[in-house]
Amino acid sequence: MVVDINADLDLGYLAQFVGARINELVLDKARAEGHGDLRQSHGYVVQHLVEGPKQITQLAQLLGVSQQAASKSVGELVELGYVTSTVSGDRRAREVALSAMGKAARAQTRKTRARIEQKLLARHGRELARAKHLLAAVLEELGGAEAVRARRVREPR
């Protein structure tokens, strides 16, 4: 049986599948550009480091996970070279920041997302702009927009 996407999928699934496909394309390009070890889950940590370094306890709170879980994610990103971890000024905590490689990967993935969107805009123009406007309005109505604005989108559980 063939799924009629327009008729059979609700808005939530359709939006999720579009987002997942874009993420696949972005990660495929990142792998081709030398960032083969990046995973989508890394983005949940990176979003909190964009504005500057954070302590592990602060990062755990923002991610909505235990300090141990945050330390594990950070440890993986440090090992891969995307994040640095240093002792903070008070010597009791570690501070985590994007490394030069992490910043380069972030710039590359943003560039890929922009290219994908430009390609879609060239083909779908106003319809895509209206679709984005509608999805943003629905996100606002459902109470999820503030998490996006505050960079507090949590990894799905």
Protein backbone atom coordinates (compact mmCIF):
# COMPACT_ATOMS: atom_id res chain seq x y z
CA MET A 1 0.00 0.00 0.00
CA VAL A 2 1.31 3.44 -0.95
CA VAL A 3 0.89 6.22 1.61
CA ASP A 4 -0.84 9.35 0.31
CA ILE A 5 1.23 11.86 2.26
CA ASN A 6 -1.38 14.62 1.98
CA ALA A 7 -4.21 12.45 3.23
CA ASP A 8 -2.59 9.98 5.59
CA LEU A 9 -0.10 12.01 7.63
CA ASP A 10 -1.08 14.52 10.27
CA LEU A 11 0.74 17.84 10.56
CA GLY A 12 3.02 16.68 13.38
CA TYR A 13 4.34 13.66 11.52
CA LEU A 14 4.69 15.52 8.24
CA ALA A 15 6.65 18.35 9.87
CA GLN A 16 8.78 15.81 11.76
CA PHE A 17 9.59 13.87 8.60
CA VAL A 18 10.51 17.02 6.68
CA GLY A 19 12.79 18.10 9.53
CA ALA A 20 14.34 14.63 9.76
CA ARG A 21 15.03 14.57 6.03
CA ILE A 22 16.66 18.00 6.11
CA ASN A 23 18.78 16.87 9.08
CA GLU A 24 19.86 13.77 7.09
CA LEU A 25 20.91 15.94 4.16
CA VAL A 26 22.82 18.31 6.45
CA LEU A 27 24.64 15.44 8.16
CA ASP A 28 25.42 13.80 4.81
CA LYS A 29 27.05 17.05 3.66
CA ALA A 30 28.88 17.42 7.00
CA ARG A 31 30.27 13.91 6.58
CA ALA A 32 31.41 14.74 3.06
CA GLU A 33 33.13 17.87 4.43
CA GLY A 34 35.13 15.90 7.02
CA HIS A 35 32.75 15.86 9.98
CA GLY A 36 31.80 12.21 9.68
CA ASP A 37 31.40 11.71 13.39
CA LEU A 38 28.66 14.31 13.93
CA ARG A 39 25.24 13.14 15.05
CA GLN A 40 21.95 14.98 15.33
CA SER A 41 22.03 14.61 19.11
CA HIS A 42 25.22 16.72 19.22
CA GLY A 43 23.16 19.72 18.12
CA TYR A 44 21.28 19.75 21.41
CA VAL A 45 24.55 20.42 23.24
CA VAL A 46 25.91 22.82 20.62
CA GLN A 47 22.78 25.03 20.72
CA HIS A 48 23.67 25.95 24.30
CA LEU A 49 27.30 26.75 23.50
CA VAL A 50 26.61 29.10 20.59
CA GLU A 51 26.48 32.16 22.82
CA GLY A 52 29.53 31.18 24.84
CA PRO A 53 30.99 28.76 27.37
CA LYS A 54 28.84 27.03 29.98
CA GLN A 55 29.61 25.04 33.09
CA ILE A 56 28.58 21.38 33.05
CA THR A 57 25.95 21.93 35.75
CA GLN A 58 24.45 24.79 33.75
CA LEU A 59 24.53 22.72 30.57
CA ALA A 60 22.80 19.79 32.32
CA GLN A 61 20.04 22.10 33.49
CA LEU A 62 19.56 23.55 30.00
CA LEU A 63 19.49 20.07 28.46
CA GLY A 64 17.09 18.81 31.10
CA VAL A 65 19.36 15.89 31.98
CA SER A 66 21.51 14.82 34.91
CA GLN A 67 24.99 16.26 35.35
CA GLN A 68 26.35 12.79 34.63
CA ALA A 69 24.46 12.58 31.31
CA ALA A 70 25.66 16.06 30.31
CA SER A 71 29.24 15.13 31.22
CA LYS A 72 28.98 12.02 29.05
CA SER A 73 27.76 14.02 26.03
CA VAL A 74 30.42 16.67 26.56
CA GLY A 75 33.12 14.01 26.97
CA GLU A 76 32.19 12.54 23.61
CA LEU A 77 32.29 15.96 21.93
CA VAL A 78 35.64 16.75 23.57
CA GLU A 79 37.05 13.44 22.35
CA LEU A 80 35.82 14.19 18.83
CA GLY A 81 37.37 17.68 18.98
CA TYR A 82 34.19 19.77 18.68
CA VAL A 83 34.23 21.06 22.25
CA THR A 84 36.86 22.11 24.76
CA SER A 85 36.59 21.60 28.50
CA THR A 86 38.67 23.65 30.92
CA VAL A 87 38.72 24.31 34.64
CA SER A 88 36.73 27.47 35.38
CA GLY A 89 38.01 30.42 37.37
CA ASP A 90 36.85 29.07 40.74
CA ARG A 91 38.57 25.71 40.04
CA ARG A 92 35.53 23.77 41.25
CA ALA A 93 33.77 23.42 37.93
CA ARG A 94 34.60 22.75 34.32
CA GLU A 95 33.70 25.16 31.58
CA VAL A 96 32.68 23.84 28.17
CA ALA A 97 32.99 25.78 24.90
CA LEU A 98 32.91 25.14 21.17
CA SER A 99 36.38 24.50 19.77
CA ALA A 100 37.56 25.93 16.46
CA MET A 101 36.52 22.64 14.86
CA GLY A 102 33.11 22.87 16.54
CA LYS A 103 32.63 26.41 15.26
CA ALA A 104 33.66 25.33 11.76
CA ALA A 105 31.21 22.41 11.81
CA ARG A 106 28.44 24.71 13.03
CA ALA A 107 29.18 27.21 10.25
CA GLN A 108 29.24 24.44 7.65
CA THR A 109 25.92 22.95 8.79
CA ARG A 110 24.27 26.38 8.83
CA LYS A 111 25.57 27.03 5.32
CA THR A 112 24.11 23.69 4.15
CA ARG A 113 20.74 24.48 5.75
CA ALA A 114 20.72 27.88 4.02
CA ARG A 115 21.48 26.24 0.66
CA ILE A 116 18.69 23.71 1.11
CA GLU A 117 16.26 26.48 1.99
CA GLN A 118 17.35 28.61 -0.98
CA LYS A 119 16.81 25.65 -3.29
CA LEU A 120 13.33 25.08 -1.88
CA LEU A 121 12.53 28.80 -2.07
CA ALA A 122 13.57 28.89 -5.72
CA ARG A 123 11.18 26.06 -6.47
CA HIS A 124 8.28 26.85 -4.12
CA GLY A 125 8.63 30.58 -3.44
CA ARG A 126 5.65 32.09 -1.65
CA GLU A 127 4.19 28.70 -0.79
CA LEU A 128 7.28 27.86 1.26
CA ALA A 129 7.17 31.26 2.97
CA ARG A 130 3.49 30.69 3.84
CA ALA A 131 4.23 27.16 5.08
CA LYS A 132 7.00 28.47 7.35
CA HIS A 133 4.71 31.21 8.64
CA LEU A 134 1.96 28.66 9.34
CA LEU A 135 4.33 26.25 11.12
CA ALA A 136 5.71 29.11 13.25
CA ALA A 137 2.16 30.16 14.17
CA VAL A 138 1.21 26.58 15.06
CA LEU A 139 4.39 26.21 17.17
CA GLU A 140 3.49 29.43 18.99
CA GLU A 141 -0.09 28.26 19.53
CA LEU A 142 1.05 24.91 20.91
CA GLY A 143 3.47 26.54 23.35
CA GLY A 144 6.75 25.47 21.77
CA ALA A 145 8.04 28.73 20.31
CA GLU A 146 9.61 30.08 23.50
CA ALA A 147 11.87 27.02 23.81
CA VAL A 148 13.12 27.69 20.28
CA ARG A 149 13.68 31.40 20.95
CA ALA A 150 15.57 30.62 24.18
CA ARG A 151 17.59 27.80 22.57
CA ARG A 152 16.08 25.32 25.01
CA VAL A 153 14.78 22.69 22.64
CA ARG A 154 15.33 19.36 24.32
CA GLU A 155 16.30 16.13 22.65
CA PRO A 156 13.23 13.90 22.16
CA ARG A 157 12.83 11.20 24.75
